[in-house]
Protein backbone atom coordinates (compact mmCIF):
# COMPACT_ATOMS: atom_id res chain seq x y z
CA UNK A 1 -10.06 -19.20 4.68
CA UNK A 2 -7.88 -22.33 4.90
CA UNK A 3 -10.91 -24.43 4.04
CA UNK A 4 -11.57 -22.33 0.93
CA UNK A 5 -7.95 -22.71 -0.16
CA UNK A 6 -8.00 -26.48 0.41
CA UNK A 7 -11.23 -26.77 -1.57
CA UNK A 8 -9.52 -24.86 -4.41
CA UNK A 9 -6.62 -27.32 -4.36
CA UNK A 10 -9.08 -30.24 -4.29
CA UNK A 11 -10.53 -28.99 -7.59
CA UNK A 12 -7.14 -28.26 -9.20
CA UNK A 13 -4.27 -29.86 -7.25
CA UNK A 14 -1.49 -28.35 -9.37
CA UNK A 15 -3.03 -24.96 -10.23
CA UNK A 16 -1.78 -22.66 -7.47
CA UNK A 17 -3.30 -19.54 -9.05
CA UNK A 18 -6.76 -21.11 -9.26
CA UNK A 19 -6.55 -22.33 -5.66
CA UNK A 20 -5.36 -18.95 -4.38
CA UNK A 21 -8.08 -17.21 -6.41
CA UNK A 22 -10.77 -19.00 -4.38
CA UNK A 23 -9.88 -16.73 -1.45
CA UNK A 24 -11.80 -13.44 -1.39
CA UNK A 25 -9.88 -10.68 -3.19
CA UNK A 26 -9.72 -8.41 -0.13
CA UNK A 27 -8.08 -11.21 1.88
CA UNK A 28 -5.61 -12.02 -0.93
CA UNK A 29 -4.62 -8.39 -1.20
CA UNK A 30 -4.29 -8.04 2.57
CA UNK A 31 -1.45 -10.59 2.51
CA UNK A 32 0.27 -8.89 -0.43
CA UNK A 33 -0.01 -5.45 1.18
CA UNK A 34 1.25 -6.83 4.48
CA UNK A 35 4.36 -8.11 2.70
CA UNK A 36 4.89 -4.71 1.07
CA UNK A 37 4.62 -3.08 4.51
CA UNK A 38 7.03 -5.61 6.02
CA UNK A 39 9.64 -4.79 3.37
CA UNK A 40 8.99 -1.04 3.71
CA UNK A 41 9.43 -1.15 7.51
CA UNK A 42 12.76 -2.93 7.14
CA UNK A 43 13.99 -0.52 4.46
CA UNK A 44 12.84 2.56 6.40
CA UNK A 45 14.79 1.30 9.43
CA UNK A 46 17.87 0.79 7.25
CA UNK A 47 17.45 4.28 5.77
CA UNK A 48 17.28 5.87 9.24
CA UNK A 49 20.50 4.03 10.18
CA UNK A 50 22.12 5.73 7.18
CA UNK A 51 21.38 9.27 8.45
CA UNK A 52 18.84 11.23 10.45
CA UNK A 53 18.92 13.99 7.82
CA UNK A 54 18.04 14.02 4.12
CA UNK A 55 20.88 12.72 1.92
CA UNK A 56 21.68 12.70 -1.77
CA UNK A 57 19.74 9.90 -3.44
CA UNK A 58 16.68 10.21 -1.18
CA UNK A 59 13.24 10.52 -2.75
CA UNK A 60 10.75 13.31 -2.13
CA UNK A 61 7.23 13.68 -3.48
CA UNK A 62 6.75 16.26 -6.22
CA UNK A 63 3.84 18.56 -5.31
CA UNK A 64 0.87 18.02 -7.69
CA UNK A 65 1.22 21.46 -9.36
CA UNK A 66 4.95 20.90 -9.88
CA UNK A 67 4.29 17.35 -11.07
CA UNK A 68 2.23 18.60 -14.00
CA UNK A 69 5.03 21.04 -14.90
CA UNK A 70 7.63 18.29 -14.45
CA UNK A 71 5.55 15.99 -16.67
CA UNK A 72 5.43 18.67 -19.39
CA UNK A 73 9.20 19.19 -19.16
CA UNK A 74 9.76 15.41 -19.38
CA UNK A 75 7.46 15.16 -22.42
CA UNK A 76 9.30 18.03 -24.15
CA UNK A 77 12.67 16.44 -23.40
CA UNK A 78 11.65 12.96 -24.60
CA UNK A 79 11.91 12.20 -28.31
CA UNK A 80 8.73 11.34 -30.17
CA UNK A 81 8.12 7.87 -31.61
CA UNK A 82 9.45 8.83 -35.06
CA UNK A 83 12.72 10.08 -33.55
CA UNK A 84 13.11 6.88 -31.52
CA UNK A 85 12.45 4.69 -34.59
CA UNK A 86 14.90 6.74 -36.69
CA UNK A 87 17.61 6.48 -34.00
CA UNK A 88 16.99 2.75 -33.64
CA UNK A 89 17.34 2.22 -37.39
CA UNK A 90 20.67 3.99 -37.37
CA UNK A 91 21.95 1.90 -34.45
CA UNK A 92 20.60 -1.46 -35.63
CA UNK A 93 18.34 -1.82 -32.54
CA UNK A 94 14.59 -2.20 -32.46
CA UNK A 95 12.64 0.87 -31.39
CA UNK A 96 11.66 0.77 -27.74
CA UNK A 97 14.41 -1.62 -26.64
CA UNK A 98 16.42 1.00 -24.81
CA UNK A 99 15.12 3.48 -22.27
CA UNK A 100 16.61 6.80 -21.31
CA UNK A 101 16.22 6.22 -17.56
CA UNK A 102 17.26 3.26 -15.52
CA UNK A 103 13.86 1.99 -14.45
CA UNK A 104 13.58 1.82 -10.70
CA UNK A 105 16.62 4.02 -10.13
CA UNK A 106 15.26 7.53 -10.31
CA UNK A 107 13.19 7.12 -13.46
CA UNK A 108 9.51 6.50 -13.02
CA UNK A 109 8.43 3.09 -14.19
CA UNK A 110 4.87 4.42 -14.00
CA UNK A 111 5.61 6.29 -17.21
CA UNK A 112 6.40 3.11 -19.12
CA UNK A 113 4.17 0.47 -17.67
CA UNK A 114 0.77 1.97 -18.36
CA UNK A 115 -0.55 1.01 -14.93
CA UNK A 116 0.83 4.02 -13.12
CA UNK A 117 -1.95 6.46 -13.95
CA UNK A 118 -2.44 8.61 -10.89
CA UNK A 119 0.81 7.48 -9.28
CA UNK A 120 2.61 10.03 -7.15
CA UNK A 121 5.68 11.50 -8.77
CA UNK A 122 8.96 11.60 -6.91
CA UNK A 123 12.32 13.14 -7.55
CA UNK A 124 15.77 12.10 -6.41
CA UNK A 125 17.57 14.65 -4.24
CA UNK A 126 21.01 15.95 -5.10
CA UNK A 127 23.45 16.73 -2.28
CA UNK A 128 22.58 20.42 -2.58
CA UNK A 129 18.83 19.75 -2.43
CA UNK A 130 19.26 17.31 0.47
CA UNK A 131 20.93 20.05 2.54
CA UNK A 132 17.73 22.12 2.20
CA UNK A 133 15.26 19.25 2.70
CA UNK A 134 13.70 18.06 5.95
CA UNK A 135 13.76 14.38 6.85
CA UNK A 136 9.97 14.77 7.21
CA UNK A 137 9.78 15.17 3.40
CA UNK A 138 11.76 12.01 2.55
CA UNK A 139 9.75 9.04 1.30
CA UNK A 140 10.60 5.38 0.74
CA UNK A 141 8.71 3.20 -1.73
CA UNK A 142 6.48 0.25 -0.99
CA UNK A 143 7.81 -2.23 -3.56
CA UNK A 144 5.76 -2.48 -6.73
CA UNK A 145 5.80 -2.21 -10.50
CA UNK A 146 5.30 1.55 -10.70
CA UNK A 147 7.74 3.03 -8.19
CA UNK A 148 11.23 4.48 -8.27
CA UNK A 149 13.85 3.57 -5.70
CA UNK A 150 16.37 5.78 -3.90
CA UNK A 151 19.78 5.93 -5.56
CA UNK A 152 21.85 5.58 -2.38
CA UNK A 153 22.84 2.43 -0.46
CA UNK A 154 19.26 1.80 0.69
CA UNK A 155 17.99 1.75 -2.89
CA UNK A 156 17.03 -0.84 -5.45
CA UNK A 157 19.85 -3.27 -4.60
CA UNK A 158 18.96 -3.19 -0.89
CA UNK A 159 15.31 -3.91 -1.73
CA UNK A 160 16.43 -6.68 -4.09
CA UNK A 161 18.56 -8.31 -1.35
CA UNK A 162 15.82 -8.08 1.31
CA UNK A 163 13.13 -9.51 -0.95
CA UNK A 164 15.45 -12.24 -2.27
CA UNK A 165 15.58 -13.58 1.31
CA UNK A 166 11.89 -14.45 0.78
CA UNK A 167 12.30 -15.72 -2.78
CA UNK A 168 10.77 -12.58 -4.32
CA UNK A 169 12.42 -10.75 -7.22
CA UNK A 170 11.80 -7.00 -7.01
CA UNK A 171 12.46 -6.71 -10.77
CA UNK A 172 9.82 -9.31 -11.63
CA UNK A 173 6.73 -8.01 -9.86
CA UNK A 174 4.55 -7.87 -12.96
CA UNK A 175 2.13 -10.76 -12.94
CA UNK A 176 0.27 -12.10 -15.94
CA UNK A 177 -2.87 -12.06 -13.79
CA UNK A 178 -3.65 -8.33 -13.39
CA UNK A 179 -5.24 -8.79 -9.95
CA UNK A 180 -1.82 -9.68 -8.53
CA UNK A 181 0.08 -6.67 -9.88
CA UNK A 182 1.04 -4.37 -7.04
CA UNK A 183 1.65 -0.81 -8.18
CA UNK A 184 3.51 0.21 -5.03
CA UNK A 185 3.35 3.59 -3.32
CA UNK A 186 5.43 5.96 -1.23
CA UNK A 187 5.38 6.61 2.52
CA UNK A 188 7.15 9.27 4.52
CA UNK A 189 9.84 7.71 6.69
CA UNK A 190 9.15 10.16 9.53
CA UNK A 191 5.75 11.69 10.34
CA UNK A 192 5.14 15.03 12.02
């Protein structure tokens, strides 16, 4: 693998993307997925230090049947394009420049980025819901462009700080080269 990478740099000494692209895709993705797992392991450990029970702000997966109902309710609650354009005209803003949810903090970025087709849906627990929820149902996200983050202290800002240690910006994970976009996913923090 190192030889392949060096040969790529020999052809294009300053083109890092071209050099990295000489490595087989499965090997390239293995490194990216390993980094996602590294971050997830750290964040899951931090979450378990927070509490050994479900807490407000935790994420849980929405069952598939409920997800389709939730999606319908979201669609009914969201204004159509004409309403958005009309509201934008009245406020002096361009249509589409303001979102109703804070992406990455409870809202699903999968809805807005077009790459989240088939992504699991999650919901953020309230204190009341957390009291009725098992820790076995709590999930944490693998960082990516189509995931939501918990809204408690081990949420988006904690991910941002951990990844910044490695020079990675959690808010800038879209890559112009589609092969390097990582959608992210969710894993249960405790397994049965």
